[in-house]
Amino acid sequence: MNISNFINGSHSSPSSSPSFSSINPQTNEFIASIPLSSSQEIDLAVQAAHAAFPRWSATSRAQRSAYLTAIADAIHARHEEFAVWESRDQGKTLARARVEVDRAIANFRYFATFILHETSTARFTPDERVLTYEHRSARGVFALISPWNMPLYLLTWKIAPCLAFGCTGVAKPSELTSITAYLLSEIFVQVRLPPGVMNIVYGDGSTGADLVRHGFIQGISFTGGTQTGIRIRQDTAADIQKHLSLELGGKNATIVFDDADLDAAVDVAAKAAFENQGEICLCGSRIYIHQSIYHQFVSKFVEHVSRTYIPGDTLGAVISLAHYNKIRSYLTLAKQEDFLLGGVPPENPTNGYWISPCILKNNDNQSPLCQEEIFGPVVTVSPFDTEEEAVSLANDSKYGLAAILLTKDGARMRRVGERLQAGLVWVNCWLVRELGTPFGGMKASGVGREGGSILKMCFVWFVFCIALCSMRCIVCEANIYLLNRDI
């Protein structure tokens, strides 16, 4: 398969630019050639989006809703094709890929209906002589950069609201997982999305850098590593008008209290640690267990994971040889006696990049195994004595993306949950999403929020104050955090 850029409504001829070989992580076999787009090709894509913006932003919400619904229907009709290629391209199990295709469809359906019921706000000043109301205008062209771990789902999580609220965009998937993005571009042709409204280009980090620095880009939605997020902020520091939404790394804590339903807690903690081979930024890779149930929990946890997560069956391969070696390098830091399950994988894998689940005892919260994002099927388990210690251990990280709290105590859910330095806290569940909930991290896990009733990513917000013949305009912005609020 030869992948080609999708610019201004059509697939471009094969570029003379260098290409990247996409490898099936499960077999180590070549599956596609991915173009590494030049700066000239990026400029063509952004110019196309810029030219399409005035007309697209002026279309009615009903028209945009119809396009999003058509896209959702078309993906649904090719559901298994998308799932099979997502599995082959990323290494995840076919069952996991099917779930993510379902979520991609849901992204388009949710925003297709959301925009039909949008409301505004009007307020009187205290003396009731001035009426203020909010007017929202689409921002312009967005750069939408998605990662390799959940390629279709996270790409559509960016594309759907961008289109819904009248923005145009240039999307760039990871060079490691570009095939379902290409299939999505075929869907755009099928539903006759107007040329230039959404463009898809392929390439590596240099391609992304050309995209975010382009002068016509008004906003950037990026999901990926923290170091790349820092680079984006540096590259756009002088472009004060550019809106940044950066969802970055995570080293998330799972806290198990002694009143938790033990079997249910084991199941939730295992899913949070090993779903999608641990290659989800929201994975709970640090488990802190109350001392009184520590040994009982760990025994059940090891048995459950060894029975449930089997490489090649319910556990996929990790994305690439480079990532395999990264995970392996962390595992070599652990002592042999620290392995409760798993071990250091072979130095030279031959038939795909398979790593068995690893559960490690941990007595040092400052260890790289506890502090750095491994992004693989590796989890540490540690005991704690008091609620205060649990909160301290969980917050002892430069990251603040998510946390999982397992307890039956309703007061503790709020008392502990609101003290955790995480943008999203799950209680007795994990990876449950309601698309109206604002999503994003704290600390080194990023800035900005996506989703939610505000959806400020897509809009320029104005507050108009109307008084006789005078009109005044000020910019109004607000961030909403789940549990932890900063307005």
Protein backbone atom coordinates (compact mmCIF):
# COMPACT_ATOMS: atom_id res chain seq x y z
CA MET A 1 0.00 0.00 0.00
CA ASN A 2 1.27 3.44 -0.96
CA ILE A 3 -0.23 6.22 1.14
CA SER A 4 -0.68 9.65 -0.43
CA ASN A 5 -1.51 13.05 1.04
CA PHE A 6 -5.10 14.29 0.93
CA ILE A 7 -5.02 17.97 -0.04
CA ASN A 8 -7.86 20.17 -1.27
CA GLY A 9 -10.26 17.28 -1.72
CA SER A 10 -8.06 14.88 -3.64
CA HIS A 11 -5.19 12.48 -3.14
CA SER A 12 -1.97 13.91 -4.47
CA SER A 13 0.37 12.09 -6.82
CA PRO A 14 3.25 10.23 -5.18
CA SER A 15 5.68 12.79 -3.86
CA SER A 16 9.36 12.89 -4.64
CA SER A 17 9.89 13.35 -0.91
CA PRO A 18 11.45 10.52 1.11
CA SER A 19 9.12 7.84 2.45
CA PHE A 20 8.81 5.89 5.67
CA SER A 21 8.20 2.15 5.87
CA SER A 22 5.27 1.21 8.08
CA ILE A 23 5.80 -2.14 9.80
CA ASN A 24 3.23 -4.53 11.28
CA PRO A 25 4.40 -4.78 14.92
CA GLN A 26 2.87 -8.24 15.28
CA THR A 27 4.96 -9.78 12.48
CA ASN A 28 7.74 -7.29 11.74
CA GLU A 29 6.56 -7.23 8.10
CA PHE A 30 6.32 -4.22 5.76
CA ILE A 31 2.73 -3.09 5.13
CA ALA A 32 2.82 0.43 3.69
CA SER A 33 4.96 3.27 2.39
CA ILE A 34 4.26 6.57 4.16
CA PRO A 35 5.34 9.90 2.59
CA LEU A 36 7.47 12.30 4.61
CA SER A 37 5.82 15.47 3.36
CA SER A 38 7.92 18.46 2.39
CA SER A 39 7.36 22.01 3.64
CA GLN A 40 5.92 22.85 0.20
CA GLU A 41 3.29 20.14 0.57
CA ILE A 42 2.42 21.37 4.06
CA ASP A 43 1.99 24.86 2.66
CA LEU A 44 -0.38 23.57 -0.05
CA ALA A 45 -2.51 21.83 2.58
CA VAL A 46 -2.68 24.86 4.87
CA GLN A 47 -3.42 27.19 1.96
CA ALA A 48 -6.28 24.89 0.92
CA ALA A 49 -7.73 24.93 4.46
CA HIS A 50 -7.32 28.70 4.66
CA ALA A 51 -9.16 29.19 1.35
CA ALA A 52 -11.99 26.86 2.42
CA PHE A 53 -12.52 28.47 5.83
CA PRO A 54 -14.76 31.46 4.91
CA ARG A 55 -17.31 29.31 3.12
CA TRP A 56 -17.23 26.39 5.57
CA SER A 57 -17.59 28.62 8.64
CA ALA A 58 -20.63 30.22 7.02
CA THR A 59 -22.47 26.92 6.43
CA SER A 60 -25.40 26.20 8.69
CA ARG A 61 -25.09 23.90 11.66
CA ALA A 62 -27.62 21.60 10.03
CA GLN A 63 -25.39 21.26 6.96
CA ARG A 64 -22.30 20.53 9.03
CA SER A 65 -24.27 18.06 11.12
CA ALA A 66 -25.33 16.23 7.96
CA TYR A 67 -21.71 15.88 6.83
CA LEU A 68 -20.61 14.50 10.21
CA THR A 69 -23.49 12.03 10.25
CA ALA A 70 -22.61 10.89 6.73
CA ILE A 71 -18.99 10.36 7.77
CA ALA A 72 -20.10 8.31 10.79
CA ASP A 73 -22.39 6.18 8.61
CA ALA A 74 -19.63 5.59 6.05
CA ILE A 75 -17.12 4.47 8.71
CA HIS A 76 -19.77 2.18 10.19
CA ALA A 77 -20.29 0.56 6.77
CA ARG A 78 -16.54 -0.23 6.61
CA HIS A 79 -16.19 -0.99 10.33
CA GLU A 80 -14.34 -4.29 10.04
CA GLU A 81 -11.96 -2.97 7.37
CA PHE A 82 -10.98 -0.08 9.66
CA ALA A 83 -10.58 -2.44 12.62
CA VAL A 84 -8.39 -4.95 10.78
CA TRP A 85 -6.04 -2.27 9.47
CA GLU A 86 -5.90 -0.54 12.85
CA SER A 87 -4.85 -3.84 14.44
CA ARG A 88 -2.22 -4.58 11.80
CA ASP A 89 -0.84 -1.06 11.75
CA GLN A 90 -0.63 -0.44 15.51
CA GLY A 91 -0.19 -3.94 16.96
CA LYS A 92 -3.31 -3.87 19.16
CA THR A 93 -5.70 -6.79 19.32
CA LEU A 94 -8.57 -6.90 16.83
CA ALA A 95 -11.04 -6.74 19.73
CA ARG A 96 -9.43 -3.52 20.99
CA ALA A 97 -9.36 -2.07 17.47
CA ARG A 98 -13.09 -2.70 17.06
CA VAL A 99 -13.80 -0.76 20.25
CA GLU A 100 -11.78 2.19 18.98
CA VAL A 101 -13.57 2.22 15.61
CA ASP A 102 -16.85 2.33 17.55
CA ARG A 103 -15.54 5.32 19.49
CA ALA A 104 -14.43 7.07 16.30
CA ILE A 105 -17.94 6.71 14.93
CA ALA A 106 -19.33 8.02 18.22
CA ASN A 107 -17.10 11.09 17.97
CA PHE A 108 -18.74 12.16 14.71
CA ARG A 109 -22.25 11.29 15.88
CA TYR A 110 -21.85 13.17 19.18
CA PHE A 111 -20.70 16.44 17.63
CA ALA A 112 -23.17 16.13 14.75
CA THR A 113 -26.01 16.39 17.27
CA PHE A 114 -24.29 18.64 19.82
CA ILE A 115 -24.11 21.60 17.45
CA LEU A 116 -27.85 21.43 16.77
CA HIS A 117 -28.59 22.30 20.39
CA GLU A 118 -25.99 24.96 21.12
CA THR A 119 -27.01 27.77 23.46
CA SER A 120 -25.64 31.18 24.29
CA THR A 121 -25.72 33.36 27.40
CA ALA A 122 -27.12 36.82 27.98
CA ARG A 123 -26.75 38.83 31.21
CA PHE A 124 -27.74 42.24 32.50
CA THR A 125 -25.30 44.43 34.35
CA PRO A 126 -26.20 45.15 38.03
CA ASP A 127 -28.00 48.39 37.13
CA GLU A 128 -29.96 46.50 34.41
CA ARG A 129 -29.15 49.20 31.85
CA VAL A 130 -26.72 47.11 29.78
CA LEU A 131 -27.35 43.70 28.25
CA THR A 132 -24.32 41.56 27.49
CA TYR A 133 -24.39 38.47 25.31
CA GLU A 134 -21.85 36.00 23.99
CA HIS A 135 -21.13 35.51 20.32
CA ARG A 136 -18.83 32.72 19.17
CA SER A 137 -16.95 32.75 15.89
CA ALA A 138 -14.95 29.87 14.44
CA ARG A 139 -11.21 30.47 14.94
CA GLY A 140 -9.85 29.43 11.55
CA VAL A 141 -7.42 26.73 10.43
CA PHE A 142 -6.31 24.12 12.97
CA ALA A 143 -3.30 21.82 12.98
CA LEU A 144 -4.50 18.47 14.32
CA ILE A 145 -1.63 16.18 15.32
CA SER A 146 -2.45 12.74 16.72
CA PRO A 147 -0.31 9.91 18.20
CA TRP A 148 0.23 6.28 17.28
CA ASN A 149 -1.37 4.52 20.25
CA MET A 150 -5.07 5.05 19.36
CA PRO A 151 -4.70 6.34 15.81
CA LEU A 152 -8.25 6.54 14.45
CA TYR A 153 -10.03 7.30 17.71
CA LEU A 154 -7.78 10.20 18.73
CA LEU A 155 -7.60 11.61 15.19
CA THR A 156 -11.39 11.71 14.91
CA TRP A 157 -11.65 13.19 18.43
CA LYS A 158 -9.87 16.21 16.93
CA ILE A 159 -11.39 16.27 13.45
CA ALA A 160 -15.05 15.93 14.47
CA PRO A 161 -15.33 19.07 16.67
CA CYS A 162 -13.10 21.03 14.29
CA LEU A 163 -15.53 20.39 11.43
CA ALA A 164 -18.63 20.69 13.62
CA PHE A 165 -17.90 24.23 14.76
CA GLY A 166 -16.96 25.63 11.38
CA CYS A 167 -13.18 25.39 11.50
CA THR A 168 -11.03 23.84 8.78
CA GLY A 169 -7.93 21.81 9.38
CA VAL A 170 -4.79 19.98 8.40
CA ALA A 171 -4.42 16.68 10.21
CA LYS A 172 -1.15 14.80 10.64
CA PRO A 173 -1.25 11.27 12.06
CA SER A 174 1.86 9.55 13.37
CA GLU A 175 4.12 8.18 10.66
CA LEU A 176 3.98 4.85 12.55
CA THR A 177 0.19 4.52 12.16
CA SER A 178 -1.15 6.28 9.08
CA ILE A 179 -3.32 3.69 7.34
CA THR A 180 -6.68 4.36 8.98
CA ALA A 181 -6.16 8.09 8.46
CA TYR A 182 -5.81 7.31 4.75
CA LEU A 183 -9.02 5.25 4.85
CA LEU A 184 -10.71 8.21 6.56
CA SER A 185 -9.63 10.49 3.72
CA GLU A 186 -11.39 8.10 1.32
CA ILE A 187 -14.52 8.58 3.43
CA PHE A 188 -14.21 12.37 3.02
CA VAL A 189 -14.23 11.89 -0.77
CA GLN A 190 -17.17 9.50 -0.55
CA VAL A 191 -19.38 11.95 1.41
CA ARG A 192 -18.25 14.85 -0.80
CA LEU A 193 -16.82 16.97 1.98
CA PRO A 194 -16.01 20.31 0.31
CA PRO A 195 -12.40 20.55 -0.93
CA GLY A 196 -9.91 21.99 1.54
CA VAL A 197 -12.16 21.72 4.59
CA MET A 198 -10.11 18.84 6.01
CA ASN A 199 -6.68 17.88 4.69
CA ILE A 200 -4.47 14.98 5.82
CA VAL A 201 -0.71 15.01 5.42
CA TYR A 202 1.83 12.44 6.51
CA GLY A 203 5.31 12.70 7.92
CA ASP A 204 7.51 12.74 10.99
CA GLY A 205 8.37 15.39 13.58
CA SER A 206 9.83 17.78 11.03
CA THR A 207 6.54 17.66 9.11
CA GLY A 208 4.66 18.51 12.29
CA ALA A 209 7.04 21.38 13.02
CA ASP A 210 6.42 22.88 9.56
CA LEU A 211 2.70 22.61 10.18
CA VAL A 212 2.54 24.26 13.61
CA ARG A 213 4.81 27.13 12.52
CA HIS A 214 2.75 28.02 9.46
CA GLY A 215 1.41 31.56 9.61
CA PHE A 216 -2.19 30.63 8.67
CA ILE A 217 -2.54 28.14 11.53
CA GLN A 218 -4.74 29.66 14.23
CA GLY A 219 -4.82 26.74 16.64
CA ILE A 220 -2.99 23.52 17.42
CA SER A 221 -4.46 20.39 18.96
CA PHE A 222 -1.65 17.97 19.79
CA THR A 223 -1.65 14.64 21.60
CA GLY A 224 1.74 13.06 22.22
CA GLY A 225 4.92 13.22 24.25
CA THR A 226 5.75 15.98 26.71
CA GLN A 227 9.04 16.86 25.01
CA THR A 228 7.26 17.42 21.70
CA GLY A 229 4.69 19.57 23.50
CA ILE A 230 7.52 21.71 24.89
CA ARG A 231 8.93 22.09 21.38
CA ILE A 232 5.55 23.21 20.05
CA ARG A 233 5.33 25.90 22.73
CA GLN A 234 8.82 27.07 21.85
CA ASP A 235 8.08 27.10 18.11
CA THR A 236 4.89 29.15 18.60
CA ALA A 237 6.03 31.48 21.40
CA ALA A 238 5.98 34.51 19.12
CA ASP A 239 2.60 33.59 17.60
CA ILE A 240 0.51 34.84 20.48
CA GLN A 241 -2.74 34.40 18.52
CA LYS A 242 -2.35 30.62 18.21
CA HIS A 243 -4.50 28.60 20.55
CA LEU A 244 -2.67 25.59 22.01
CA SER A 245 -4.28 22.43 23.33
CA LEU A 246 -1.52 20.00 24.35
CA GLU A 247 -2.46 16.61 25.80
CA LEU A 248 0.87 15.12 26.84
CA GLY A 249 2.34 12.29 28.89
CA GLY A 250 1.07 10.59 32.00
CA LYS A 251 2.28 8.43 34.87
CA ASN A 252 -1.09 7.79 36.44
CA ALA A 253 -1.76 6.39 39.88
CA THR A 254 -4.31 3.76 40.89
CA ILE A 255 -5.15 3.94 44.61
CA VAL A 256 -6.77 0.89 46.24
CA PHE A 257 -8.26 1.44 49.70
CA ASP A 258 -9.02 -1.35 52.15
CA ASP A 259 -12.79 -1.00 51.77
CA ALA A 260 -12.74 -1.58 48.00
CA ASP A 261 -14.49 -4.57 46.46
CA LEU A 262 -11.33 -6.64 46.04
CA ASP A 263 -12.27 -8.64 42.92
CA ALA A 264 -13.70 -5.59 41.17
CA ALA A 265 -10.63 -3.53 42.14
CA VAL A 266 -8.29 -6.19 40.72
CA ASP A 267 -10.20 -6.17 37.43
CA VAL A 268 -10.24 -2.34 37.11
CA ALA A 269 -6.56 -2.01 38.07
CA ALA A 270 -5.57 -4.69 35.55
CA LYS A 271 -7.50 -3.06 32.71
CA ALA A 272 -6.00 0.31 33.59
CA ALA A 273 -2.50 -1.16 33.52
CA PHE A 274 -2.55 -3.49 30.52
CA GLU A 275 -5.27 -2.48 28.09
CA ASN A 276 -3.78 -1.80 24.64
CA GLN A 277 -0.44 -3.16 25.95
CA GLY A 278 -0.24 -0.26 28.38
CA GLU A 279 0.09 2.09 25.39
CA ILE A 280 -2.57 4.54 26.56
CA CYS A 281 -1.63 7.85 28.14
CA LEU A 282 -4.41 7.27 30.70
CA CYS A 283 -3.10 3.88 31.89
CA GLY A 284 -2.64 3.42 35.62
CA SER A 285 0.99 2.35 35.70
CA ARG A 286 1.52 2.96 39.47
CA ILE A 287 -0.69 1.01 41.87
CA TYR A 288 -0.76 2.01 45.55
CA ILE A 289 -2.52 -0.47 47.85
CA HIS A 290 -3.51 -0.11 51.50
CA GLN A 291 -1.11 -2.07 53.66
CA SER A 292 -3.87 -4.16 55.27
CA ILE A 293 -4.88 -5.72 51.93
CA TYR A 294 -1.58 -5.39 50.07
CA HIS A 295 -0.56 -9.07 49.98
CA GLN A 296 -4.08 -10.29 49.29
CA PHE A 297 -4.57 -7.79 46.47
CA VAL A 298 -1.18 -8.49 44.88
CA SER A 299 -1.77 -12.25 44.93
CA LYS A 300 -5.13 -11.89 43.21
CA PHE A 301 -3.77 -9.27 40.82
CA VAL A 302 -0.86 -11.42 39.62
CA GLU A 303 -3.13 -14.41 39.10
CA HIS A 304 -5.76 -12.34 37.25
CA VAL A 305 -3.25 -10.66 34.92
CA SER A 306 -1.42 -13.91 34.08
CA ARG A 307 -4.76 -15.54 33.21
CA THR A 308 -6.33 -12.58 31.36
CA TYR A 309 -3.57 -10.81 29.38
CA ILE A 310 -1.93 -13.25 26.98
CA PRO A 311 0.39 -11.97 24.20
CA GLY A 312 -1.02 -12.75 20.77
CA ASP A 313 -4.50 -13.34 22.17
CA THR A 314 -5.71 -10.61 24.54
CA LEU A 315 -2.51 -8.54 24.51
CA GLY A 316 -1.07 -6.97 21.37
CA ALA A 317 2.47 -6.19 20.28
CA VAL A 318 4.11 -2.85 21.13
CA ILE A 319 4.34 -0.34 18.33
CA SER A 320 7.93 -0.57 17.08
CA LEU A 321 11.42 -1.96 17.64
CA ALA A 322 12.55 1.40 19.05
CA HIS A 323 9.70 1.38 21.56
CA TYR A 324 10.34 -2.28 22.39
CA ASN A 325 13.94 -1.38 23.22
CA LYS A 326 12.81 1.58 25.33
CA ILE A 327 10.51 -0.59 27.43
CA ARG A 328 13.21 -3.24 27.71
CA SER A 329 15.74 -0.68 28.95
CA TYR A 330 13.45 0.20 31.86
CA LEU A 331 12.92 -3.45 32.75
CA THR A 332 16.68 -4.00 32.95
CA LEU A 333 16.72 -1.48 35.84
CA ALA A 334 14.62 -3.80 37.99
CA LYS A 335 16.12 -6.52 40.16
CA GLN A 336 15.13 -10.07 39.37
CA GLU A 337 13.45 -10.46 42.74
CA ASP A 338 11.24 -7.42 42.02
CA PHE A 339 9.42 -9.23 39.20
CA LEU A 340 6.14 -10.63 40.47
CA LEU A 341 5.19 -11.42 36.89
CA GLY A 342 7.10 -11.25 33.61
CA GLY A 343 10.73 -10.47 33.00
CA VAL A 344 13.19 -8.73 30.68
CA PRO A 345 12.23 -9.59 27.06
CA PRO A 346 14.82 -10.87 24.52
CA GLU A 347 17.33 -8.35 23.24
CA ASN A 348 16.64 -9.20 19.59
CA PRO A 349 12.96 -9.98 18.87
CA THR A 350 12.41 -12.00 15.70
CA ASN A 351 8.67 -12.39 15.11
CA GLY A 352 7.15 -9.10 16.20
CA TYR A 353 7.54 -6.83 19.20
CA TRP A 354 5.91 -8.84 21.97
CA ILE A 355 6.35 -8.04 25.66
CA SER A 356 4.56 -10.08 28.32
CA PRO A 357 2.83 -8.25 31.21
CA CYS A 358 5.27 -7.20 33.92
CA ILE A 359 4.31 -6.55 37.55
CA LEU A 360 7.08 -5.11 39.73
CA LYS A 361 7.36 -4.65 43.46
CA ASN A 362 8.45 -1.12 44.24
CA ASN A 363 9.86 0.38 47.41
CA ASP A 364 11.32 3.56 45.91
CA ASN A 365 8.88 6.13 44.57
CA GLN A 366 11.79 8.08 43.07
CA SER A 367 12.84 5.17 40.86
CA PRO A 368 12.65 5.80 37.09
CA LEU A 369 10.20 2.90 37.01
CA CYS A 370 7.81 5.03 39.10
CA GLN A 371 8.65 8.49 37.79
CA GLU A 372 9.06 8.10 34.03
CA GLU A 373 6.46 7.21 31.44
CA ILE A 374 7.29 3.72 30.15
CA PHE A 375 4.16 3.42 27.98
CA GLY A 376 4.07 -0.36 27.87
CA PRO A 377 2.73 -3.43 29.73
CA VAL A 378 4.60 -2.57 32.93
CA VAL A 379 3.09 -1.68 36.32
CA THR A 380 4.53 -1.16 39.79
CA VAL A 381 2.78 -2.07 43.06
CA SER A 382 3.49 -0.33 46.37
CA PRO A 383 1.84 -0.29 49.82
CA PHE A 384 0.63 2.73 51.77
CA ASP A 385 -0.58 3.16 55.36
CA THR A 386 -2.67 6.34 55.51
CA GLU A 387 -4.89 8.40 53.26
CA GLU A 388 -2.43 11.26 53.50
CA GLU A 389 0.40 9.00 52.34
CA ALA A 390 -1.67 7.72 49.42
CA VAL A 391 -2.35 11.26 48.18
CA SER A 392 1.31 12.22 48.63
CA LEU A 393 2.56 9.19 46.68
CA ALA A 394 0.05 9.70 43.87
CA ASN A 395 0.95 13.40 43.53
CA ASP A 396 4.69 12.73 43.65
CA SER A 397 5.04 12.96 39.88
CA LYS A 398 5.74 15.64 37.32
CA TYR A 399 2.66 14.41 35.44
CA GLY A 400 -1.00 15.04 36.24
CA LEU A 401 -3.18 13.52 33.55
CA ALA A 402 -5.47 11.03 35.32
CA ALA A 403 -5.93 8.91 38.43
CA ILE A 404 -8.03 5.92 39.49
CA LEU A 405 -9.58 5.78 42.96
CA LEU A 406 -10.97 2.46 44.23
CA THR A 407 -13.09 2.78 47.39
CA LYS A 408 -16.70 2.39 48.58
CA ASP A 409 -16.50 5.40 50.89
CA GLY A 410 -18.45 8.26 49.31
CA ALA A 411 -16.86 10.92 51.49
CA ARG A 412 -13.39 9.63 50.63
CA MET A 413 -14.19 9.75 46.92
CA ARG A 414 -14.50 13.53 47.15
CA ARG A 415 -11.98 14.10 49.92
CA VAL A 416 -9.19 12.23 48.13
CA GLY A 417 -10.33 12.78 44.55
CA GLU A 418 -10.31 16.55 44.83
CA ARG A 419 -6.79 16.54 46.27
CA LEU A 420 -5.30 14.46 43.47
CA GLN A 421 -3.34 16.55 41.00
CA ALA A 422 -4.96 15.07 37.92
CA GLY A 423 -7.18 16.51 35.24
CA LEU A 424 -9.45 13.46 35.31
CA VAL A 425 -10.22 11.14 38.24
CA TRP A 426 -12.08 7.85 37.80
CA VAL A 427 -13.76 6.29 40.83
CA ASN A 428 -14.31 2.51 40.72
CA CYS A 429 -13.99 2.50 36.91
CA TRP A 430 -11.51 3.39 34.18
CA LEU A 431 -11.57 4.78 30.62
CA VAL A 432 -15.24 5.66 30.85
CA ARG A 433 -15.80 8.73 28.68
CA GLU A 434 -18.70 11.11 28.27
CA LEU A 435 -17.78 13.35 25.38
CA GLY A 436 -19.29 16.41 27.03
CA THR A 437 -16.69 16.19 29.81
CA PRO A 438 -13.68 18.51 29.33
CA PHE A 439 -10.50 16.51 28.90
CA GLY A 440 -6.88 17.44 29.60
CA GLY A 441 -4.09 17.26 32.14
CA MET A 442 -2.27 19.24 34.79
CA LYS A 443 1.45 19.87 35.37
CA ALA A 444 3.62 18.27 32.65
CA SER A 445 0.61 16.45 31.23
CA GLY A 446 -0.40 19.45 29.20
CA VAL A 447 -2.40 22.64 28.85
CA GLY A 448 -5.90 23.37 27.58
CA ARG A 449 -9.08 21.32 27.49
CA GLU A 450 -10.91 19.59 24.68
CA GLY A 451 -14.53 18.48 24.64
CA GLY A 452 -17.06 19.76 27.10
CA SER A 453 -19.88 22.23 26.76
CA ILE A 454 -17.45 25.11 26.27
CA LEU A 455 -15.41 23.54 23.45
CA LYS A 456 -13.27 26.65 23.50
CA MET A 457 -10.69 25.02 21.23
CA CYS A 458 -12.81 25.82 18.18
CA PHE A 459 -14.01 29.29 19.02
CA VAL A 460 -12.98 32.87 19.39
CA TRP A 461 -15.19 34.04 22.26
CA PHE A 462 -16.50 37.58 22.58
CA VAL A 463 -18.70 39.24 25.16
CA PHE A 464 -20.74 42.04 23.63
CA CYS A 465 -22.04 44.76 25.94
CA ILE A 466 -24.89 46.68 24.36
CA ALA A 467 -25.82 50.08 25.80
CA LEU A 468 -27.62 52.65 23.65
CA CYS A 469 -25.15 53.51 20.86
CA SER A 470 -22.00 52.18 22.47
CA MET A 471 -20.53 48.68 22.05
CA ARG A 472 -17.57 47.21 23.90
CA CYS A 473 -15.81 43.89 23.20
CA ILE A 474 -13.60 41.85 25.47
CA VAL A 475 -12.19 38.35 25.07
CA CYS A 476 -13.50 35.79 27.54
CA GLU A 477 -11.89 32.40 28.17
CA ALA A 478 -12.41 29.73 30.83
CA ASN A 479 -10.94 26.34 31.61
CA ILE A 480 -13.06 23.70 33.28
CA TYR A 481 -11.42 20.81 35.09
CA LEU A 482 -13.11 17.63 36.24
CA LEU A 483 -12.98 17.57 40.05
CA ASN A 484 -10.05 20.01 40.10
CA ARG A 485 -11.21 23.39 38.86
CA ASP A 486 -9.19 26.39 37.81
CA ILE A 487 -11.33 29.13 36.31
